[in-house]
C-alpha atoms as a PDB file:
ATOM      1  CA  MET A   1     -34.298  -4.797  11.654  1.00  0.00           C
ATOM      2  CA  PRO A   2     -31.642  -5.819   9.092  1.00  0.00           C
ATOM      3  CA  ASN A   3     -31.398  -9.468   8.209  1.00  0.00           C
ATOM      4  CA  ASP A   4     -28.382 -11.503   9.248  1.00  0.00           C
ATOM      5  CA  GLU A   5     -26.957 -11.416   5.712  1.00  0.00           C
ATOM      6  CA  CYS A   6     -26.313  -7.674   6.040  1.00  0.00           C
ATOM      7  CA  ARG A   7     -24.389  -7.682   9.305  1.00  0.00           C
ATOM      8  CA  PRO A   8     -20.694  -6.773   9.040  1.00  0.00           C
ATOM      9  CA  GLY A   9     -18.585  -9.860   8.451  1.00  0.00           C
ATOM     10  CA  ALA A  10     -21.487 -12.089   7.391  1.00  0.00           C
ATOM     11  CA  ALA A  11     -20.237 -12.324   3.815  1.00  0.00           C
ATOM     12  CA  PHE A  12     -16.930 -13.703   5.070  1.00  0.00           C
ATOM     13  CA  GLY A  13     -18.474 -16.174   7.512  1.00  0.00           C
ATOM     14  CA  PHE A  14     -16.934 -14.686  10.651  1.00  0.00           C
ATOM     15  CA  PRO A  15     -18.735 -13.282  13.675  1.00  0.00           C
ATOM     16  CA  LEU A  16     -18.720  -9.673  14.739  1.00  0.00           C
ATOM     17  CA  MET A  17     -16.363 -10.532  17.587  1.00  0.00           C
ATOM     18  CA  ARG A  18     -12.808  -9.469  16.843  1.00  0.00           C
ATOM     19  CA  GLN A  19      -9.819 -10.397  18.955  1.00  0.00           C
ATOM     20  CA  ALA A  20      -6.609  -8.383  18.930  1.00  0.00           C
ATOM     21  CA  ILE A  21      -3.446 -10.474  18.701  1.00  0.00           C
ATOM     22  CA  THR A  22      -0.338  -8.890  20.186  1.00  0.00           C
ATOM     23  CA  ARG A  23       3.103 -10.215  20.813  1.00  0.00           C
ATOM     24  CA  PRO A  24       5.946  -8.517  22.731  1.00  0.00           C
ATOM     25  CA  ASP A  25       8.574 -10.048  20.421  1.00  0.00           C
ATOM     26  CA  ALA A  26       7.035  -8.223  17.462  1.00  0.00           C
ATOM     27  CA  PRO A  27       7.161  -4.437  17.092  1.00  0.00           C
ATOM     28  CA  ALA A  28       4.501  -2.518  18.971  1.00  0.00           C
ATOM     29  CA  ALA A  29       2.024  -0.656  16.809  1.00  0.00           C
ATOM     30  CA  ILE A  30       3.222   2.840  15.936  1.00  0.00           C
ATOM     31  CA  GLY A  31      -0.310   4.098  15.342  1.00  0.00           C
ATOM     32  CA  PRO A  32      -3.954   3.315  16.048  1.00  0.00           C
ATOM     33  CA  TYR A  33      -3.942  -0.291  14.829  1.00  0.00           C
ATOM     34  CA  SER A  34      -3.430  -3.818  16.163  1.00  0.00           C
ATOM     35  CA  GLN A  35      -0.571  -6.133  15.248  1.00  0.00           C
ATOM     36  CA  ALA A  36      -3.270  -8.540  14.059  1.00  0.00           C
ATOM     37  CA  ILE A  37      -6.990  -9.166  14.341  1.00  0.00           C
ATOM     38  CA  LYS A  38      -8.529 -12.614  14.583  1.00  0.00           C
ATOM     39  CA  ALA A  39     -12.124 -12.893  13.420  1.00  0.00           C
ATOM     40  CA  GLY A  40     -13.428 -16.444  13.264  1.00  0.00           C
ATOM     41  CA  ASN A  41     -10.944 -18.502  11.245  1.00  0.00           C
ATOM     42  CA  LEU A  42      -9.417 -15.433   9.627  1.00  0.00           C
ATOM     43  CA  LEU A  43      -6.233 -13.765  10.872  1.00  0.00           C
ATOM     44  CA  CYS A  44      -5.353 -10.382   9.356  1.00  0.00           C
ATOM     45  CA  LEU A  45      -1.911  -9.023  10.171  1.00  0.00           C
ATOM     46  CA  SER A  46      -1.139  -5.349   9.874  1.00  0.00           C
ATOM     47  CA  GLY A  47       1.651  -4.523   7.484  1.00  0.00           C
ATOM     48  CA  GLN A  48       5.022  -5.178   9.073  1.00  0.00           C
ATOM     49  CA  ILE A  49       8.046  -3.021   8.477  1.00  0.00           C
ATOM     50  CA  PRO A  50      11.589  -3.982   9.539  1.00  0.00           C
ATOM     51  CA  LEU A  51      11.496  -2.682  13.090  1.00  0.00           C
ATOM     52  CA  ASP A  52      13.590  -4.386  15.732  1.00  0.00           C
ATOM     53  CA  PRO A  53      11.033  -5.186  18.461  1.00  0.00           C
ATOM     54  CA  LYS A  54      13.604  -4.661  21.213  1.00  0.00           C
ATOM     55  CA  THR A  55      14.660  -1.169  20.171  1.00  0.00           C
ATOM     56  CA  GLY A  56      11.795   0.015  17.981  1.00  0.00           C
ATOM     57  CA  ASN A  57      14.410   1.114  15.445  1.00  0.00           C
ATOM     58  CA  LEU A  58      14.520   0.323  11.762  1.00  0.00           C
ATOM     59  CA  VAL A  59      16.946  -2.480  10.890  1.00  0.00           C
ATOM     60  CA  GLU A  60      19.825  -1.164   8.794  1.00  0.00           C
ATOM     61  CA  GLY A  61      21.920  -2.827   6.118  1.00  0.00           C
ATOM     62  CA  GLY A  62      19.658  -2.818   3.076  1.00  0.00           C
ATOM     63  CA  ILE A  63      16.836  -4.842   1.633  1.00  0.00           C
ATOM     64  CA  GLU A  64      18.017  -8.314   2.720  1.00  0.00           C
ATOM     65  CA  PRO A  65      18.219  -7.742   6.505  1.00  0.00           C
ATOM     66  CA  GLN A  66      15.082  -5.616   6.350  1.00  0.00           C
ATOM     67  CA  THR A  67      13.138  -8.371   4.585  1.00  0.00           C
ATOM     68  CA  HIS A  68      14.315 -11.015   7.058  1.00  0.00           C
ATOM     69  CA  GLN A  69      13.274  -8.753   9.971  1.00  0.00           C
ATOM     70  CA  VAL A  70       9.834  -8.272   8.458  1.00  0.00           C
ATOM     71  CA  PHE A  71       9.402 -12.046   8.221  1.00  0.00           C
ATOM     72  CA  ALA A  72      10.650 -12.475  11.811  1.00  0.00           C
ATOM     73  CA  ASN A  73       8.011  -9.979  12.936  1.00  0.00           C
ATOM     74  CA  ILE A  74       5.306 -11.761  10.926  1.00  0.00           C
ATOM     75  CA  SER A  75       6.388 -15.131  12.332  1.00  0.00           C
ATOM     76  CA  ALA A  76       6.091 -13.872  15.920  1.00  0.00           C
ATOM     77  CA  ILE A  77       2.572 -12.571  15.346  1.00  0.00           C
ATOM     78  CA  LEU A  78       1.468 -15.739  13.534  1.00  0.00           C
ATOM     79  CA  LYS A  79       2.849 -17.794  16.430  1.00  0.00           C
ATOM     80  CA  ALA A  80       0.855 -15.709  18.932  1.00  0.00           C
ATOM     81  CA  ALA A  81      -2.298 -16.805  17.112  1.00  0.00           C
ATOM     82  CA  GLY A  82      -1.231 -20.453  16.952  1.00  0.00           C
ATOM     83  CA  ALA A  83      -0.350 -20.216  13.271  1.00  0.00           C
ATOM     84  CA  SER A  84       2.689 -20.386  11.004  1.00  0.00           C
ATOM     85  CA  PHE A  85       3.629 -19.471   7.461  1.00  0.00           C
ATOM     86  CA  GLU A  86       1.766 -22.603   6.324  1.00  0.00           C
ATOM     87  CA  ASN A  87      -1.503 -20.887   7.335  1.00  0.00           C
ATOM     88  CA  VAL A  88      -0.864 -17.811   5.171  1.00  0.00           C
ATOM     89  CA  VAL A  89      -3.226 -17.577   2.193  1.00  0.00           C
ATOM     90  CA  SER A  90      -2.513 -14.062   0.912  1.00  0.00           C
ATOM     91  CA  VAL A  91       0.507 -11.729   0.957  1.00  0.00           C
ATOM     92  CA  SER A  92       0.838  -8.083  -0.038  1.00  0.00           C
ATOM     93  CA  VAL A  93       4.403  -6.837  -0.523  1.00  0.00           C
ATOM     94  CA  PHE A  94       5.131  -3.119  -0.694  1.00  0.00           C
ATOM     95  CA  LEU A  95       8.548  -2.064  -1.973  1.00  0.00           C
ATOM     96  CA  ALA A  96      10.194   1.344  -2.048  1.00  0.00           C
ATOM     97  CA  ASP A  97      12.095   0.188  -5.163  1.00  0.00           C
ATOM     98  CA  MET A  98      10.800  -2.504  -7.519  1.00  0.00           C
ATOM     99  CA  ASN A  99      14.420  -3.105  -8.570  1.00  0.00           C
ATOM    100  CA  GLN A 100      14.748  -4.944  -5.230  1.00  0.00           C
ATOM    101  CA  PHE A 101      12.009  -7.428  -6.200  1.00  0.00           C
ATOM    102  CA  GLY A 102      14.449 -10.247  -7.079  1.00  0.00           C
ATOM    103  CA  LYS A 103      16.206 -10.095  -3.712  1.00  0.00           C
ATOM    104  CA  VAL A 104      12.922  -9.922  -1.797  1.00  0.00           C
ATOM    105  CA  ASN A 105      11.451 -12.744  -3.891  1.00  0.00           C
ATOM    106  CA  GLU A 106      14.454 -14.975  -3.156  1.00  0.00           C
ATOM    107  CA  ILE A 107      14.084 -14.403   0.599  1.00  0.00           C
ATOM    108  CA  TYR A 108      10.291 -14.772   0.368  1.00  0.00           C
ATOM    109  CA  GLY A 109      10.750 -18.234  -1.137  1.00  0.00           C
ATOM    110  CA  THR A 110      12.607 -19.425   1.978  1.00  0.00           C
ATOM    111  CA  TYR A 111       9.582 -18.733   4.200  1.00  0.00           C
ATOM    112  CA  PHE A 112       6.836 -20.317   2.091  1.00  0.00           C
ATOM    113  CA  SER A 113       6.361 -23.645   0.371  1.00  0.00           C
ATOM    114  CA  SER A 114       4.008 -24.953  -2.279  1.00  0.00           C
ATOM    115  CA  PRO A 115       1.172 -24.304  -2.596  1.00  0.00           C
ATOM    116  CA  TYR A 116       2.338 -20.707  -2.238  1.00  0.00           C
ATOM    117  CA  PRO A 117      -0.023 -18.009  -0.971  1.00  0.00           C
ATOM    118  CA  ALA A 118      -1.663 -15.623  -3.391  1.00  0.00           C
ATOM    119  CA  ARG A 119       0.454 -12.492  -3.633  1.00  0.00           C
ATOM    120  CA  ALA A 120       0.583  -8.941  -4.886  1.00  0.00           C
ATOM    121  CA  THR A 121       3.748  -6.841  -5.029  1.00  0.00           C
ATOM    122  CA  VAL A 122       3.698  -3.112  -5.661  1.00  0.00           C
ATOM    123  CA  GLN A 123       6.159  -0.264  -5.593  1.00  0.00           C
ATOM    124  CA  VAL A 124       5.060   2.636  -3.420  1.00  0.00           C
ATOM    125  CA  ALA A 125       6.256   6.217  -3.168  1.00  0.00           C
ATOM    126  CA  ARG A 126       7.211   5.927   0.499  1.00  0.00           C
ATOM    127  CA  LEU A 127       6.884   3.546   3.445  1.00  0.00           C
ATOM    128  CA  PRO A 128       6.667   4.293   7.174  1.00  0.00           C
ATOM    129  CA  LYS A 129      10.008   5.314   8.707  1.00  0.00           C
ATOM    130  CA  ASP A 130      11.449   5.194   5.175  1.00  0.00           C
ATOM    131  CA  SER A 131      11.744   1.413   5.306  1.00  0.00           C
ATOM    132  CA  LEU A 132      12.511  -0.404   2.077  1.00  0.00           C
ATOM    133  CA  VAL A 133       9.835  -3.090   2.468  1.00  0.00           C
ATOM    134  CA  GLU A 134       6.487  -3.677   4.167  1.00  0.00           C
ATOM    135  CA  ILE A 135       4.593  -6.968   4.076  1.00  0.00           C
ATOM    136  CA  GLN A 136       1.012  -7.705   5.090  1.00  0.00           C
ATOM    137  CA  VAL A 137      -0.433 -11.207   5.341  1.00  0.00           C
ATOM    138  CA  ILE A 138      -3.789 -12.903   5.811  1.00  0.00           C
ATOM    139  CA  ALA A 139      -3.903 -16.391   7.296  1.00  0.00           C
ATOM    140  CA  SER A 140      -6.588 -19.024   7.702  1.00  0.00           C
ATOM    141  CA  LEU A 141      -6.735 -20.704  11.095  1.00  0.00           C
END
């Protein structure tokens, strides 16, 4: 019988029990994943792209409206778990074009305050539905 140190999740201090977090005012999953999973005090959000939750369509108009929609989607999911942007500890930003980093960074700064979450930003070859930005966050509850 394996010891307790080897069970999945033990290294992170959360139990095996996982709870799916869903919110109707955030886009429904477009694949086999949850909007977010809560495990103990950890909340892991799936990457959010700029889908309008009412229509399921990609928001048009460029990087600025797409980035704001992504943050609106993230906010709705955080709220469903009783959290806010203040609970976010890590952010991964995926961009179709790194030349848009300055615009995304400016918008990003309106959603977070010091101390800012840890962050990584990478350019990728392609994002789902050809969106310009995808953002994934991890929050501590």
